[in-house]
Amino acid sequence: MKAYLDCVPCFLRQALEASRMATKDENVQRKVIDSVMGRLPMLSFNVSPPEIAQVVHGLVKEITGESDPYREIKKKHNQTLLKLYSPLKEIVSNSQDRLLTATKMAIAGNVIDLGVQNEVKDLENTIYRLLSSDLVIDNHTDFKEALTNSHLIIYLGDNAGEIVLDKILIEELKSMMDIEIVFIVRGEPIINDATMEDAKLVGMSDLTRVISNGSDAPATILSQCSSEVLELFSKADMIISKGQGNYESLSEEDRVFFLLKAKCPVVARELGVNVGDTILKGNSFRED
């Protein structure tokens, strides 16, 4: 999925919010914004939005000297969702369709996206509300069938906090079948995306194999991924892709199921849904 002019205000907003998290010095903040405004006209919009966001946040880090401006809010979201882990697990256990409930729960967690909004108000109630709502694109039947035919699954993580709900879904998948799942995180801090530190904090690394994709883009840009990830990507029977960034960078790939909440007009338009809708969309599976 390529970037659009509609994305420009979002890039500038992200730069300002990230610079404010990194420093209180308004002169430095202004330098960040000036640098981003100077760089954007030089960038091609035939690439995906996360590739441009990678440049924007790289400037924030370079100019402010802060490698992880979102560090504290990521910790907050991880702690908040870990407190909800037990009651949410109970909801899955008591559900008539455990897999569907766990999947919708993981999708509800995608509301946590600081690339789109600088805070999620009333996070707990928002997750419960999304969990009780219907999926607007619902390929759950295909999702379940693909699972039964898979031996190796790549699960592409998205945000901190959200990763706790990914853990619940992966626990459910592992309880259903003998399957290898590799959870992939970002290589370096970028916005509030989950890294190896987050995976260890929430216990994901105790549940399943976790590896870094080797990139600091807020997405899975295959040309930037490590050889280990590319090899796994070629061997995987199925890819579970969480979030908007991964959708934007992998929308043309096959064997992928996209689990996300449409949080901006550009992505919603691409998917043919409304902002706020929840999505479980499967791309075609190639024939062996």
Protein backbone atom coordinates (compact mmCIF):
# COMPACT_ATOMS: atom_id res chain seq x y z
CA MET A 1 0.00 0.00 0.00
CA LYS A 2 1.49 3.33 -1.02
CA ALA A 3 1.41 6.57 0.94
CA TYR A 4 -1.00 9.40 0.13
CA LEU A 5 -0.92 13.17 0.61
CA ASP A 6 -3.47 12.58 3.39
CA CYS A 7 -0.59 10.99 5.33
CA VAL A 8 1.46 14.21 5.48
CA PRO A 9 -0.41 15.85 8.42
CA CYS A 10 -0.12 12.57 10.32
CA PHE A 11 3.66 12.45 9.82
CA LEU A 12 3.99 16.00 11.13
CA ARG A 13 1.76 15.26 14.11
CA GLN A 14 3.81 12.17 14.94
CA ALA A 15 7.02 14.18 14.74
CA LEU A 16 5.68 16.83 17.11
CA GLU A 17 4.27 14.33 19.61
CA ALA A 18 7.42 12.20 19.61
CA SER A 19 9.67 15.24 20.01
CA ARG A 20 7.58 16.43 22.95
CA MET A 21 7.95 13.03 24.58
CA ALA A 22 11.69 13.17 24.00
CA THR A 23 12.36 16.71 25.25
CA LYS A 24 10.71 19.74 26.79
CA ASP A 25 13.01 22.06 24.87
CA GLU A 26 10.76 23.86 22.36
CA ASN A 27 13.77 24.91 20.30
CA VAL A 28 14.66 21.26 19.76
CA GLN A 29 11.03 20.46 19.00
CA ARG A 30 10.98 23.21 16.39
CA LYS A 31 14.19 21.86 14.87
CA VAL A 32 12.55 18.44 14.54
CA ILE A 33 9.50 19.87 12.78
CA ASP A 34 11.62 22.03 10.46
CA SER A 35 13.77 19.03 9.56
CA VAL A 36 10.76 16.80 8.89
CA MET A 37 9.09 19.46 6.74
CA GLY A 38 12.33 19.82 4.80
CA ARG A 39 12.72 16.09 4.28
CA LEU A 40 9.16 15.14 3.31
CA PRO A 41 9.25 16.84 -0.13
CA MET A 42 12.32 14.77 -0.96
CA LEU A 43 10.64 11.43 -0.26
CA SER A 44 8.78 9.30 -2.78
CA PHE A 45 5.14 8.60 -1.95
CA ASN A 46 5.26 5.38 -3.97
CA VAL A 47 6.47 3.61 -0.84
CA SER A 48 4.34 2.48 2.10
CA PRO A 49 3.49 4.97 4.88
CA PRO A 50 5.65 3.13 7.45
CA GLU A 51 8.73 3.63 5.29
CA ILE A 52 8.19 7.38 5.45
CA ALA A 53 7.37 7.19 9.17
CA GLN A 54 10.69 5.42 9.67
CA VAL A 55 12.50 8.45 8.24
CA VAL A 56 10.40 10.87 10.30
CA HIS A 57 11.06 9.09 13.59
CA GLY A 58 14.71 8.65 12.68
CA LEU A 59 14.97 12.44 12.54
CA VAL A 60 13.27 12.71 15.93
CA LYS A 61 15.80 10.34 17.48
CA GLU A 62 18.77 11.99 15.78
CA ILE A 63 17.84 15.56 16.71
CA THR A 64 16.59 14.93 20.27
CA GLY A 65 19.18 12.30 21.18
CA GLU A 66 16.40 10.11 22.61
CA SER A 67 16.40 6.59 21.15
CA ASP A 68 13.01 5.60 22.59
CA PRO A 69 10.68 8.57 23.20
CA TYR A 70 7.71 6.27 23.86
CA ARG A 71 9.49 4.16 26.51
CA GLU A 72 7.37 5.18 29.49
CA ILE A 73 3.99 4.96 27.80
CA LYS A 74 4.87 1.52 26.44
CA LYS A 75 5.58 0.38 29.99
CA LYS A 76 2.25 1.84 31.10
CA HIS A 77 0.32 -0.01 28.39
CA ASN A 78 2.09 -3.29 29.14
CA GLN A 79 1.28 -2.96 32.84
CA THR A 80 -2.35 -2.03 32.16
CA LEU A 81 -2.95 -5.02 29.89
CA LEU A 82 -1.10 -7.43 32.18
CA LYS A 83 -3.59 -6.48 34.91
CA LEU A 84 -6.41 -7.40 32.51
CA TYR A 85 -4.80 -10.68 31.48
CA SER A 86 -6.63 -12.96 33.96
CA PRO A 87 -10.17 -11.60 33.43
CA LEU A 88 -9.67 -11.61 29.66
CA LYS A 89 -8.39 -15.20 29.76
CA GLU A 90 -11.51 -16.12 31.70
CA ILE A 91 -13.69 -14.60 28.98
CA VAL A 92 -11.97 -16.81 26.41
CA SER A 93 -12.31 -19.89 28.62
CA ASN A 94 -16.05 -19.32 29.08
CA SER A 95 -16.71 -18.54 25.42
CA GLN A 96 -18.70 -20.83 23.13
CA ASP A 97 -16.14 -20.18 20.37
CA ARG A 98 -12.82 -19.76 22.12
CA LEU A 99 -10.80 -19.20 18.95
CA LEU A 100 -13.10 -16.48 17.63
CA THR A 101 -13.16 -14.75 21.01
CA ALA A 102 -9.38 -14.87 21.38
CA THR A 103 -8.98 -13.57 17.82
CA LYS A 104 -11.38 -10.68 18.39
CA MET A 105 -9.56 -9.94 21.64
CA ALA A 106 -6.24 -9.68 19.83
CA ILE A 107 -7.84 -7.39 17.24
CA ALA A 108 -9.34 -5.22 20.00
CA GLY A 109 -5.83 -4.73 21.36
CA ASN A 110 -4.90 -2.99 18.12
CA VAL A 111 -6.67 0.11 19.42
CA ILE A 112 -3.31 0.86 21.09
CA ASP A 113 -1.51 2.75 18.32
CA LEU A 114 0.33 5.94 19.16
CA GLY A 115 1.21 6.51 15.54
CA VAL A 116 -2.46 7.39 15.08
CA GLN A 117 -3.34 8.96 18.44
CA ASN A 118 -1.15 10.07 21.30
CA GLU A 119 -3.20 8.27 23.94
CA VAL A 120 -6.03 5.77 24.19
CA LYS A 121 -8.73 7.11 26.48
CA ASP A 122 -10.53 4.62 28.71
CA LEU A 123 -8.42 1.77 27.36
CA GLU A 124 -10.01 -1.04 29.38
CA ASN A 125 -13.61 -0.20 28.42
CA THR A 126 -12.60 0.38 24.81
CA ILE A 127 -11.17 -3.15 24.59
CA TYR A 128 -14.29 -4.69 26.13
CA ARG A 129 -16.49 -2.69 23.74
CA LEU A 130 -14.54 -3.79 20.68
CA LEU A 131 -14.58 -7.39 21.90
CA SER A 132 -18.37 -7.36 21.97
CA SER A 133 -18.73 -5.77 18.52
CA ASP A 134 -18.91 -7.62 15.19
CA LEU A 135 -16.00 -7.82 12.76
CA VAL A 136 -16.79 -5.76 9.67
CA ILE A 137 -14.54 -7.90 7.48
CA ASP A 138 -14.85 -11.38 8.92
CA ASN A 139 -12.80 -14.13 7.28
CA HIS A 140 -12.79 -16.19 10.47
CA THR A 141 -13.94 -19.39 8.72
CA ASP A 142 -11.01 -19.15 6.29
CA PHE A 143 -8.72 -18.27 9.20
CA LYS A 144 -9.71 -21.41 11.09
CA GLU A 145 -9.32 -23.60 8.01
CA ALA A 146 -5.86 -22.17 7.29
CA LEU A 147 -4.83 -22.89 10.87
CA THR A 148 -5.76 -26.54 10.57
CA ASN A 149 -3.54 -26.85 7.49
CA SER A 150 -0.53 -25.07 9.02
CA HIS A 151 2.52 -26.39 10.81
CA LEU A 152 4.59 -23.19 10.93
CA ILE A 153 3.02 -19.80 11.59
CA ILE A 154 4.70 -16.40 11.70
CA TYR A 155 2.90 -13.98 14.00
CA LEU A 156 3.88 -10.38 13.28
CA GLY A 157 3.46 -8.31 16.44
CA ASP A 158 2.53 -4.67 16.50
CA ASN A 159 2.31 -2.57 19.67
CA ALA A 160 3.32 -2.77 23.31
CA GLY A 161 0.33 -3.54 25.54
CA GLU A 162 -1.41 -5.11 22.57
CA ILE A 163 1.19 -7.88 22.78
CA VAL A 164 -0.53 -9.18 25.94
CA LEU A 165 -3.65 -9.92 23.90
CA ASP A 166 -1.54 -11.50 21.17
CA LYS A 167 -0.23 -13.79 23.89
CA ILE A 168 -3.78 -14.86 24.76
CA LEU A 169 -4.49 -15.74 21.13
CA ILE A 170 -1.23 -17.66 20.77
CA GLU A 171 -1.97 -19.59 23.98
CA GLU A 172 -5.33 -20.56 22.51
CA LEU A 173 -3.75 -21.65 19.21
CA LYS A 174 -1.18 -23.78 21.01
CA SER A 175 -3.87 -25.40 23.14
CA MET A 176 -5.81 -26.36 19.99
CA MET A 177 -3.08 -27.96 17.91
CA ASP A 178 0.55 -29.00 17.71
CA ILE A 179 1.91 -26.00 15.85
CA GLU A 180 5.09 -23.94 15.71
CA ILE A 181 4.51 -20.20 16.11
CA VAL A 182 7.30 -17.64 15.77
CA PHE A 183 6.45 -14.21 17.14
CA ILE A 184 8.31 -11.35 15.45
CA VAL A 185 9.00 -7.97 17.03
CA ARG A 186 10.66 -4.78 15.79
CA GLY A 187 14.44 -4.69 15.77
CA GLU A 188 14.71 -1.29 17.48
CA PRO A 189 12.31 1.03 19.33
CA ILE A 190 9.96 2.82 16.96
CA ILE A 191 6.83 4.67 18.13
CA ASN A 192 5.11 2.30 20.62
CA ASP A 193 5.78 -0.88 18.65
CA ALA A 194 6.70 -4.01 20.58
CA THR A 195 10.37 -4.97 20.84
CA MET A 196 12.16 -7.92 22.45
CA GLU A 197 12.04 -6.04 25.76
CA ASP A 198 8.25 -5.97 25.65
CA ALA A 199 8.05 -9.64 24.65
CA LYS A 200 10.14 -10.63 27.66
CA LEU A 201 8.20 -8.35 30.01
CA VAL A 202 4.79 -9.85 29.18
CA GLY A 203 6.04 -13.45 29.06
CA MET A 204 5.73 -13.94 25.31
CA SER A 205 9.28 -15.29 25.11
CA ASP A 206 8.36 -17.95 27.69
CA LEU A 207 5.41 -19.06 25.57
CA THR A 208 6.86 -19.24 22.08
CA ARG A 209 9.94 -18.41 20.03
CA VAL A 210 10.42 -14.65 19.64
CA ILE A 211 12.82 -13.03 17.19
CA SER A 212 13.58 -9.51 16.01
CA ASN A 213 12.90 -8.55 12.41
CA GLY A 214 16.13 -6.53 12.35
CA SER A 215 14.48 -3.26 11.35
CA ASP A 216 13.37 -0.07 13.10
CA ALA A 217 10.46 0.55 10.72
CA PRO A 218 6.95 0.61 12.27
CA ALA A 219 5.95 -2.30 10.01
CA THR A 220 7.32 -5.43 8.37
CA ILE A 221 9.27 -4.18 5.37
CA LEU A 222 10.66 -7.37 3.90
CA SER A 223 13.59 -5.66 2.17
CA GLN A 224 14.80 -4.53 5.60
CA CYS A 225 14.21 -7.78 7.48
CA SER A 226 16.97 -10.12 8.63
CA SER A 227 17.86 -13.23 6.62
CA GLU A 228 16.42 -15.33 9.46
CA VAL A 229 13.02 -13.63 9.13
CA LEU A 230 13.05 -13.87 5.33
CA GLU A 231 13.79 -17.59 5.51
CA LEU A 232 10.95 -18.12 7.97
CA PHE A 233 8.66 -15.99 5.81
CA SER A 234 9.33 -18.23 2.81
CA LYS A 235 8.74 -21.42 4.81
CA ALA A 236 5.68 -20.37 6.82
CA ASP A 237 2.35 -21.94 5.98
CA MET A 238 0.53 -18.89 7.28
CA ILE A 239 1.32 -15.37 8.48
CA ILE A 240 -0.77 -13.60 11.12
CA SER A 241 -0.22 -9.87 10.71
CA LYS A 242 -1.27 -7.45 13.42
CA GLY A 243 -2.01 -3.77 12.96
CA GLN A 244 -2.12 -1.01 10.38
CA GLY A 245 1.61 -0.73 9.81
CA ASN A 246 1.96 -4.39 8.92
CA TYR A 247 -1.10 -4.15 6.67
CA GLU A 248 0.34 -1.10 4.89
CA SER A 249 3.63 -2.88 4.21
CA LEU A 250 2.28 -6.37 3.40
CA SER A 251 -1.11 -5.75 1.80
CA GLU A 252 -0.02 -7.42 -1.47
CA GLU A 253 1.52 -10.53 0.12
CA ASP A 254 -0.18 -13.92 0.10
CA ARG A 255 -0.66 -16.43 2.96
CA VAL A 256 -1.43 -13.50 5.27
CA PHE A 257 -4.33 -12.88 7.62
CA PHE A 258 -4.55 -9.24 8.70
CA LEU A 259 -5.93 -8.56 12.17
CA LEU A 260 -6.45 -4.85 12.81
CA LYS A 261 -8.65 -1.95 13.72
CA ALA A 262 -8.96 0.64 10.94
CA LYS A 263 -7.82 3.79 12.71
CA CYS A 264 -7.25 6.29 9.92
CA PRO A 265 -9.19 7.33 6.80
CA VAL A 266 -6.46 6.18 4.40
CA VAL A 267 -6.38 2.59 5.67
CA ALA A 268 -10.16 2.50 6.04
CA ARG A 269 -10.54 3.60 2.42
CA GLU A 270 -8.10 0.95 1.21
CA LEU A 271 -10.09 -1.73 3.07
CA GLY A 272 -13.50 -0.35 2.10
CA VAL A 273 -14.59 0.11 5.72
CA ASN A 274 -15.18 2.95 8.17
CA VAL A 275 -12.70 4.33 10.67
CA GLY A 276 -13.10 2.34 13.88
CA ASP A 277 -14.11 -0.94 12.20
CA THR A 278 -12.37 -4.17 13.18
CA ILE A 279 -10.96 -6.46 10.52
CA LEU A 280 -9.99 -10.10 10.01
CA LYS A 281 -8.99 -10.25 6.36
CA GLY A 282 -7.24 -13.12 4.61
CA ASN A 283 -5.20 -12.69 1.45
CA SER A 284 -5.23 -15.54 -1.08
CA PHE A 285 -3.17 -18.62 -0.36
CA ARG A 286 -0.96 -19.78 -3.19
CA GLU A 287 -1.23 -23.33 -4.48
CA ASP A 288 1.67 -25.68 -3.77
